[in-house]
Amino acid sequence: MTPALWLLIFAILVSTAWVLTHLALLIGVLSSSEMSRNDKLIALVPPLTPWKAWIAGKKVGVVFWGLFIVAYAVIRIVAA
């Protein structure tokens, strides 16, 4: 297998992990009883989901969300 294929496989795996983490954060915010309705609506905007999840107390998930974004960016930079 060539290095480019490995980079593609890792990019797919990392982006899948990012999407699943994002969905978990969104579900966590939407199911939170201490968040107001407006905060839940704001969390539906994808770039704002981690911010509202951090406020809702999902700090570990937000850190993983950020790590997956950075890992994906590094893979894309290396692959270019």
PDB file of N, CA and C in Angstrom:
ATOM      1  N   MET A   1       0.846  -1.184   0.000  1.00  0.00           N
ATOM      2  CA  MET A   1       0.000   0.000   0.000  1.00  0.00           C
ATOM      3  C   MET A   1       0.890   1.245   0.000  1.00  0.00           C
ATOM      4  N   THR A   2       0.472   2.202  -0.750  1.00  0.00           N
ATOM      5  CA  THR A   2       1.255   3.420  -0.869  1.00  0.00           C
ATOM      6  C   THR A   2       0.956   4.364   0.304  1.00  0.00           C
ATOM      7  N   PRO A   3       1.876   5.270   0.585  1.00  0.00           N
ATOM      8  CA  PRO A   3       1.618   6.246   1.663  1.00  0.00           C
ATOM      9  C   PRO A   3       0.385   7.106   1.416  1.00  0.00           C
ATOM     10  N   ALA A   4       0.111   7.413   0.166  1.00  0.00           N
ATOM     11  CA  ALA A   4      -1.080   8.223  -0.138  1.00  0.00           C
ATOM     12  C   ALA A   4      -2.358   7.487   0.240  1.00  0.00           C
ATOM     13  N   LEU A   5      -2.362   6.180   0.033  1.00  0.00           N
ATOM     14  CA  LEU A   5      -3.542   5.400   0.408  1.00  0.00           C
ATOM     15  C   LEU A   5      -3.713   5.357   1.922  1.00  0.00           C
ATOM     16  N   TRP A   6      -2.611   5.226   2.644  1.00  0.00           N
ATOM     17  CA  TRP A   6      -2.686   5.248   4.104  1.00  0.00           C
ATOM     18  C   TRP A   6      -3.199   6.592   4.605  1.00  0.00           C
ATOM     19  N   LEU A   7      -2.722   7.672   3.990  1.00  0.00           N
ATOM     20  CA  LEU A   7      -3.212   8.999   4.387  1.00  0.00           C
ATOM     21  C   LEU A   7      -4.707   9.134   4.113  1.00  0.00           C
ATOM     22  N   LEU A   8      -5.167   8.584   3.008  1.00  0.00           N
ATOM     23  CA  LEU A   8      -6.595   8.621   2.705  1.00  0.00           C
ATOM     24  C   LEU A   8      -7.395   7.831   3.734  1.00  0.00           C
ATOM     25  N   ILE A   9      -6.907   6.658   4.096  1.00  0.00           N
ATOM     26  CA  ILE A   9      -7.590   5.835   5.103  1.00  0.00           C
ATOM     27  C   ILE A   9      -7.650   6.559   6.440  1.00  0.00           C
ATOM     28  N   PHE A  10      -6.522   7.151   6.856  1.00  0.00           N
ATOM     29  CA  PHE A  10      -6.511   7.884   8.124  1.00  0.00           C
ATOM     30  C   PHE A  10      -7.410   9.112   8.071  1.00  0.00           C
ATOM     31  N   ALA A  11      -7.449   9.792   6.943  1.00  0.00           N
ATOM     32  CA  ALA A  11      -8.326  10.962   6.813  1.00  0.00           C
ATOM     33  C   ALA A  11      -9.790  10.549   6.935  1.00  0.00           C
ATOM     34  N   ILE A  12     -10.143   9.430   6.332  1.00  0.00           N
ATOM     35  CA  ILE A  12     -11.523   8.947   6.430  1.00  0.00           C
ATOM     36  C   ILE A  12     -11.867   8.569   7.866  1.00  0.00           C
ATOM     37  N   LEU A  13     -10.957   7.872   8.537  1.00  0.00           N
ATOM     38  CA  LEU A  13     -11.217   7.459   9.917  1.00  0.00           C
ATOM     39  C   LEU A  13     -11.324   8.650  10.865  1.00  0.00           C
ATOM     40  N   VAL A  14     -10.425   9.613  10.706  1.00  0.00           N
ATOM     41  CA  VAL A  14     -10.449  10.789  11.586  1.00  0.00           C
ATOM     42  C   VAL A  14     -11.686  11.634  11.322  1.00  0.00           C
ATOM     43  N   SER A  15     -12.058  11.808  10.065  1.00  0.00           N
ATOM     44  CA  SER A  15     -13.249  12.613   9.782  1.00  0.00           C
ATOM     45  C   SER A  15     -14.516  11.912  10.270  1.00  0.00           C
ATOM     46  N   THR A  16     -14.537  10.590  10.204  1.00  0.00           N
ATOM     47  CA  THR A  16     -15.679   9.848  10.745  1.00  0.00           C
ATOM     48  C   THR A  16     -15.767  10.013  12.256  1.00  0.00           C
ATOM     49  N   ALA A  17     -14.629   9.931  12.919  1.00  0.00           N
ATOM     50  CA  ALA A  17     -14.604  10.131  14.375  1.00  0.00           C
ATOM     51  C   ALA A  17     -15.053  11.544  14.729  1.00  0.00           C
ATOM     52  N   TRP A  18     -14.650  12.533  13.904  1.00  0.00           N
ATOM     53  CA  TRP A  18     -15.063  13.910  14.160  1.00  0.00           C
ATOM     54  C   TRP A  18     -16.578  14.065  14.022  1.00  0.00           C
ATOM     55  N   VAL A  19     -17.145  13.482  12.974  1.00  0.00           N
ATOM     56  CA  VAL A  19     -18.589  13.590  12.757  1.00  0.00           C
ATOM     57  C   VAL A  19     -19.354  12.930  13.901  1.00  0.00           C
ATOM     58  N   LEU A  20     -18.902  11.752  14.327  1.00  0.00           N
ATOM     59  CA  LEU A  20     -19.579  11.070  15.434  1.00  0.00           C
ATOM     60  C   LEU A  20     -19.457  11.860  16.738  1.00  0.00           C
ATOM     61  N   THR A  21     -18.299  12.459  16.977  1.00  0.00           N
ATOM     62  CA  THR A  21     -18.123  13.300  18.166  1.00  0.00           C
ATOM     63  C   THR A  21     -19.027  14.524  18.090  1.00  0.00           C
ATOM     64  N   HIS A  22     -19.117  15.115  16.901  1.00  0.00           N
ATOM     65  CA  HIS A  22     -19.988  16.284  16.723  1.00  0.00           C
ATOM     66  C   HIS A  22     -21.446  15.922  17.001  1.00  0.00           C
ATOM     67  N   LEU A  23     -21.880  14.789  16.478  1.00  0.00           N
ATOM     68  CA  LEU A  23     -23.258  14.361  16.729  1.00  0.00           C
ATOM     69  C   LEU A  23     -23.498  14.065  18.204  1.00  0.00           C
ATOM     70  N   ALA A  24     -22.521  13.466  18.868  1.00  0.00           N
ATOM     71  CA  ALA A  24     -22.663  13.197  20.304  1.00  0.00           C
ATOM     72  C   ALA A  24     -22.774  14.504  21.091  1.00  0.00           C
ATOM     73  N   LEU A  25     -21.977  15.505  20.711  1.00  0.00           N
ATOM     74  CA  LEU A  25     -22.069  16.798  21.388  1.00  0.00           C
ATOM     75  C   LEU A  25     -23.427  17.448  21.134  1.00  0.00           C
ATOM     76  N   LEU A  26     -23.889  17.378  19.905  1.00  0.00           N
ATOM     77  CA  LEU A  26     -25.193  17.969  19.575  1.00  0.00           C
ATOM     78  C   LEU A  26     -26.318  17.296  20.351  1.00  0.00           C
ATOM     79  N   ILE A  27     -26.293  15.979  20.417  1.00  0.00           N
ATOM     80  CA  ILE A  27     -27.307  15.256  21.180  1.00  0.00           C
ATOM     81  C   ILE A  27     -27.202  15.605  22.658  1.00  0.00           C
ATOM     82  N   GLY A  28     -25.979  15.747  23.155  1.00  0.00           N
ATOM     83  CA  GLY A  28     -25.793  16.120  24.557  1.00  0.00           C
ATOM     84  C   GLY A  28     -26.362  17.490  24.876  1.00  0.00           C
ATOM     85  N   VAL A  29     -26.188  18.425  23.964  1.00  0.00           N
ATOM     86  CA  VAL A  29     -26.733  19.773  24.184  1.00  0.00           C
ATOM     87  C   VAL A  29     -28.252  19.758  24.071  1.00  0.00           C
ATOM     88  N   LEU A  30     -28.768  19.087  23.054  1.00  0.00           N
ATOM     89  CA  LEU A  30     -30.213  19.086  22.847  1.00  0.00           C
ATOM     90  C   LEU A  30     -30.960  18.339  23.943  1.00  0.00           C
ATOM     91  N   SER A  31     -30.312  17.371  24.586  1.00  0.00           N
ATOM     92  CA  SER A  31     -30.974  16.626  25.651  1.00  0.00           C
ATOM     93  C   SER A  31     -30.701  17.209  27.034  1.00  0.00           C
ATOM     94  N   SER A  32     -29.933  18.273  27.098  1.00  0.00           N
ATOM     95  CA  SER A  32     -29.612  18.900  28.372  1.00  0.00           C
ATOM     96  C   SER A  32     -30.832  19.631  28.925  1.00  0.00           C
ATOM     97  N   SER A  33     -31.119  19.402  30.184  1.00  0.00           N
ATOM     98  CA  SER A  33     -32.275  20.058  30.787  1.00  0.00           C
ATOM     99  C   SER A  33     -31.951  21.460  31.306  1.00  0.00           C
ATOM    100  N   GLU A  34     -30.661  21.767  31.495  1.00  0.00           N
ATOM    101  CA  GLU A  34     -30.313  23.081  32.027  1.00  0.00           C
ATOM    102  C   GLU A  34     -30.089  24.131  30.940  1.00  0.00           C
ATOM    103  N   MET A  35     -30.138  23.735  29.677  1.00  0.00           N
ATOM    104  CA  MET A  35     -29.962  24.692  28.581  1.00  0.00           C
ATOM    105  C   MET A  35     -31.329  25.236  28.162  1.00  0.00           C
ATOM    106  N   SER A  36     -31.351  26.518  27.827  1.00  0.00           N
ATOM    107  CA  SER A  36     -32.609  27.120  27.374  1.00  0.00           C
ATOM    108  C   SER A  36     -32.886  26.717  25.923  1.00  0.00           C
ATOM    109  N   ARG A  37     -34.088  26.998  25.492  1.00  0.00           N
ATOM    110  CA  ARG A  37     -34.475  26.642  24.131  1.00  0.00           C
ATOM    111  C   ARG A  37     -33.629  27.394  23.109  1.00  0.00           C
ATOM    112  N   ASN A  38     -33.321  28.657  23.387  1.00  0.00           N
ATOM    113  CA  ASN A  38     -32.504  29.448  22.470  1.00  0.00           C
ATOM    114  C   ASN A  38     -31.085  28.897  22.376  1.00  0.00           C
ATOM    115  N   ASP A  39     -30.532  28.445  23.503  1.00  0.00           N
ATOM    116  CA  ASP A  39     -29.201  27.846  23.477  1.00  0.00           C
ATOM    117  C   ASP A  39     -29.189  26.563  22.658  1.00  0.00           C
ATOM    118  N   LYS A  40     -30.242  25.799  22.749  1.00  0.00           N
ATOM    119  CA  LYS A  40     -30.343  24.567  21.967  1.00  0.00           C
ATOM    120  C   LYS A  40     -30.453  24.885  20.475  1.00  0.00           C
ATOM    121  N   LEU A  41     -31.179  25.932  20.139  1.00  0.00           N
ATOM    122  CA  LEU A  41     -31.287  26.329  18.741  1.00  0.00           C
ATOM    123  C   LEU A  41     -29.957  26.840  18.203  1.00  0.00           C
ATOM    124  N   ILE A  42     -29.210  27.554  19.026  1.00  0.00           N
ATOM    125  CA  ILE A  42     -27.887  28.030  18.616  1.00  0.00           C
ATOM    126  C   ILE A  42     -26.958  26.851  18.359  1.00  0.00           C
ATOM    127  N   ALA A  43     -27.102  25.786  19.139  1.00  0.00           N
ATOM    128  CA  ALA A  43     -26.245  24.607  18.976  1.00  0.00           C
ATOM    129  C   ALA A  43     -26.491  23.893  17.660  1.00  0.00           C
ATOM    130  N   LEU A  44     -27.599  24.166  16.993  1.00  0.00           N
ATOM    131  CA  LEU A  44     -27.864  23.544  15.689  1.00  0.00           C
ATOM    132  C   LEU A  44     -26.988  24.127  14.588  1.00  0.00           C
ATOM    133  N   VAL A  45     -26.361  25.272  14.834  1.00  0.00           N
ATOM    134  CA  VAL A  45     -25.404  25.846  13.886  1.00  0.00           C
ATOM    135  C   VAL A  45     -24.068  25.126  14.113  1.00  0.00           C
ATOM    136  N   PRO A  46     -23.572  24.371  13.121  1.00  0.00           N
ATOM    137  CA  PRO A  46     -22.423  23.490  13.349  1.00  0.00           C
ATOM    138  C   PRO A  46     -21.184  24.122  13.998  1.00  0.00           C
ATOM    139  N   PRO A  47     -20.729  25.316  13.593  1.00  0.00           N
ATOM    140  CA  PRO A  47     -19.536  25.857  14.269  1.00  0.00           C
ATOM    141  C   PRO A  47     -19.779  26.262  15.731  1.00  0.00           C
ATOM    142  N   LEU A  48     -21.036  26.439  16.112  1.00  0.00           N
ATOM    143  CA  LEU A  48     -21.349  26.874  17.471  1.00  0.00           C
ATOM    144  C   LEU A  48     -21.666  25.713  18.412  1.00  0.00           C
ATOM    145  N   THR A  49     -21.790  24.516  17.878  1.00  0.00           N
ATOM    146  CA  THR A  49     -22.108  23.349  18.701  1.00  0.00           C
ATOM    147  C   THR A  49     -21.073  23.107  19.800  1.00  0.00           C
ATOM    148  N   PRO A  50     -19.756  23.135  19.496  1.00  0.00           N
ATOM    149  CA  PRO A  50     -18.789  22.896  20.579  1.00  0.00           C
ATOM    150  C   PRO A  50     -18.847  23.943  21.696  1.00  0.00           C
ATOM    151  N   TRP A  51     -19.119  25.183  21.316  1.00  0.00           N
ATOM    152  CA  TRP A  51     -19.215  26.248  22.316  1.00  0.00           C
ATOM    153  C   TRP A  51     -20.363  25.975  23.285  1.00  0.00           C
ATOM    154  N   LYS A  52     -21.526  25.619  22.745  1.00  0.00           N
ATOM    155  CA  LYS A  52     -22.674  25.330  23.609  1.00  0.00           C
ATOM    156  C   LYS A  52     -22.469  24.020  24.381  1.00  0.00           C
ATOM    157  N   ALA A  53     -21.768  23.061  23.786  1.00  0.00           N
ATOM    158  CA  ALA A  53     -21.483  21.817  24.496  1.00  0.00           C
ATOM    159  C   ALA A  53     -20.533  22.083  25.663  1.00  0.00           C
ATOM    160  N   TRP A  54     -19.580  22.987  25.493  1.00  0.00           N
ATOM    161  CA  TRP A  54     -18.669  23.343  26.577  1.00  0.00           C
ATOM    162  C   TRP A  54     -19.460  23.958  27.733  1.00  0.00           C
ATOM    163  N   ILE A  55     -20.401  24.833  27.401  1.00  0.00           N
ATOM    164  CA  ILE A  55     -21.239  25.461  28.424  1.00  0.00           C
ATOM    165  C   ILE A  55     -22.107  24.407  29.120  1.00  0.00           C
ATOM    166  N   ALA A  56     -22.547  23.393  28.366  1.00  0.00           N
ATOM    167  CA  ALA A  56     -23.394  22.340  28.933  1.00  0.00           C
ATOM    168  C   ALA A  56     -22.590  21.340  29.765  1.00  0.00           C
ATOM    169  N   GLY A  57     -21.259  21.473  29.785  1.00  0.00           N
ATOM    170  CA  GLY A  57     -20.436  20.605  30.611  1.00  0.00           C
ATOM    171  C   GLY A  57     -19.840  19.413  29.884  1.00  0.00           C
ATOM    172  N   LYS A  58     -19.901  19.401  28.579  1.00  0.00           N
ATOM    173  CA  LYS A  58     -19.345  18.307  27.776  1.00  0.00           C
ATOM    174  C   LYS A  58     -17.910  18.644  27.360  1.00  0.00           C
ATOM    175  N   LYS A  59     -17.060  18.957  28.335  1.00  0.00           N
ATOM    176  CA  LYS A  59     -15.721  19.458  28.054  1.00  0.00           C
ATOM    177  C   LYS A  59     -14.814  18.418  27.397  1.00  0.00           C
ATOM    178  N   VAL A  60     -14.898  17.176  27.813  1.00  0.00           N
ATOM    179  CA  VAL A  60     -14.058  16.120  27.227  1.00  0.00           C
ATOM    180  C   VAL A  60     -14.411  15.922  25.757  1.00  0.00           C
ATOM    181  N   GLY A  61     -15.688  15.911  25.450  1.00  0.00           N
ATOM    182  CA  GLY A  61     -16.122  15.772  24.066  1.00  0.00           C
ATOM    183  C   GLY A  61     -15.652  16.912  23.187  1.00  0.00           C
ATOM    184  N   VAL A  62     -15.666  18.116  23.739  1.00  0.00           N
ATOM    185  CA  VAL A  62     -15.213  19.285  22.983  1.00  0.00           C
ATOM    186  C   VAL A  62     -13.712  19.193  22.720  1.00  0.00           C
ATOM    187  N   VAL A  63     -12.951  18.710  23.688  1.00  0.00           N
ATOM    188  CA  VAL A  63     -11.503  18.553  23.498  1.00  0.00           C
ATOM    189  C   VAL A  63     -11.239  17.526  22.397  1.00  0.00           C
ATOM    190  N   PHE A  64     -11.956  16.403  22.413  1.00  0.00           N
ATOM    191  CA  PHE A  64     -11.793  15.413  21.356  1.00  0.00           C
ATOM    192  C   PHE A  64     -12.215  15.976  19.999  1.00  0.00           C
ATOM    193  N   TRP A  65     -13.281  16.761  19.973  1.00  0.00           N
ATOM    194  CA  TRP A  65     -13.735  17.401  18.742  1.00  0.00           C
ATOM    195  C   TRP A  65     -12.606  18.239  18.155  1.00  0.00           C
ATOM    196  N   GLY A  66     -11.963  19.029  18.995  1.00  0.00           N
ATOM    197  CA  GLY A  66     -10.849  19.862  18.546  1.00  0.00           C
ATOM    198  C   GLY A  66      -9.639  19.044  18.101  1.00  0.00           C
ATOM    199  N   LEU A  67      -9.342  17.982  18.823  1.00  0.00           N
ATOM    200  CA  LEU A  67      -8.219  17.129  18.450  1.00  0.00           C
ATOM    201  C   LEU A  67      -8.449  16.471  17.088  1.00  0.00           C
ATOM    202  N   PHE A  68      -9.670  16.038  16.837  1.00  0.00           N
ATOM    203  CA  PHE A  68      -9.973  15.424  15.546  1.00  0.00           C
ATOM    204  C   PHE A  68      -9.862  16.443  14.412  1.00  0.00           C
ATOM    205  N   ILE A  69     -10.271  17.670  14.651  1.00  0.00           N
ATOM    206  CA  ILE A  69     -10.143  18.717  13.628  1.00  0.00           C
ATOM    207  C   ILE A  69      -8.669  18.972  13.324  1.00  0.00           C
ATOM    208  N   VAL A  70      -7.862  19.079  14.358  1.00  0.00           N
ATOM    209  CA  VAL A  70      -6.425  19.324  14.162  1.00  0.00           C
ATOM    210  C   VAL A  70      -5.774  18.141  13.457  1.00  0.00           C
ATOM    211  N   ALA A  71      -6.122  16.921  13.871  1.00  0.00           N
ATOM    212  CA  ALA A  71      -5.541  15.731  13.231  1.00  0.00           C
ATOM    213  C   ALA A  71      -5.915  15.668  11.763  1.00  0.00           C
ATOM    214  N   TYR A  72      -7.155  15.988  11.438  1.00  0.00           N
ATOM    215  CA  TYR A  72      -7.575  15.980  10.038  1.00  0.00           C
ATOM    216  C   TYR A  72      -6.815  17.039   9.234  1.00  0.00           C
ATOM    217  N   ALA A  73      -6.646  18.212   9.819  1.00  0.00           N
ATOM    218  CA  ALA A  73      -5.902  19.276   9.115  1.00  0.00           C
ATOM    219  C   ALA A  73      -4.455  18.858   8.881  1.00  0.00           C
ATOM    220  N   VAL A  74      -3.851  18.220   9.866  1.00  0.00           N
ATOM    221  CA  VAL A  74      -2.465  17.765   9.704  1.00  0.00           C
ATOM    222  C   VAL A  74      -2.378  16.714   8.605  1.00  0.00           C
ATOM    223  N   ILE A  75      -3.309  15.776   8.576  1.00  0.00           N
ATOM    224  CA  ILE A  75      -3.302  14.756   7.530  1.00  0.00           C
ATOM    225  C   ILE A  75      -3.449  15.397   6.151  1.00  0.00           C
ATOM    226  N   ARG A  76      -4.340  16.369   6.033  1.00  0.00           N
ATOM    227  CA  ARG A  76      -4.529  17.033   4.744  1.00  0.00           C
ATOM    228  C   ARG A  76      -3.285  17.811   4.333  1.00  0.00           C
ATOM    229  N   ILE A  77      -2.601  18.446   5.283  1.00  0.00           N
ATOM    230  CA  ILE A  77      -1.382  19.193   4.974  1.00  0.00           C
ATOM    231  C   ILE A  77      -0.276  18.242   4.532  1.00  0.00           C
ATOM    232  N   VAL A  78      -0.146  17.125   5.231  1.00  0.00           N
ATOM    233  CA  VAL A  78       0.885  16.144   4.874  1.00  0.00           C
ATOM    234  C   VAL A  78       0.582  15.538   3.507  1.00  0.00           C
ATOM    235  N   ALA A  79      -0.677  15.313   3.208  1.00  0.00           N
ATOM    236  CA  ALA A  79      -1.056  14.688   1.946  1.00  0.00           C
ATOM    237  C   ALA A  79      -0.891  15.625   0.759  1.00  0.00           C
ATOM    238  N   ALA A  80      -0.857  16.915   0.995  1.00  0.00           N
ATOM    239  CA  ALA A  80      -0.774  17.885  -0.112  1.00  0.00           C
ATOM    240  C   ALA A  80       0.591  17.969  -0.738  1.00  0.00           C
TER     241      ALA A  80
END
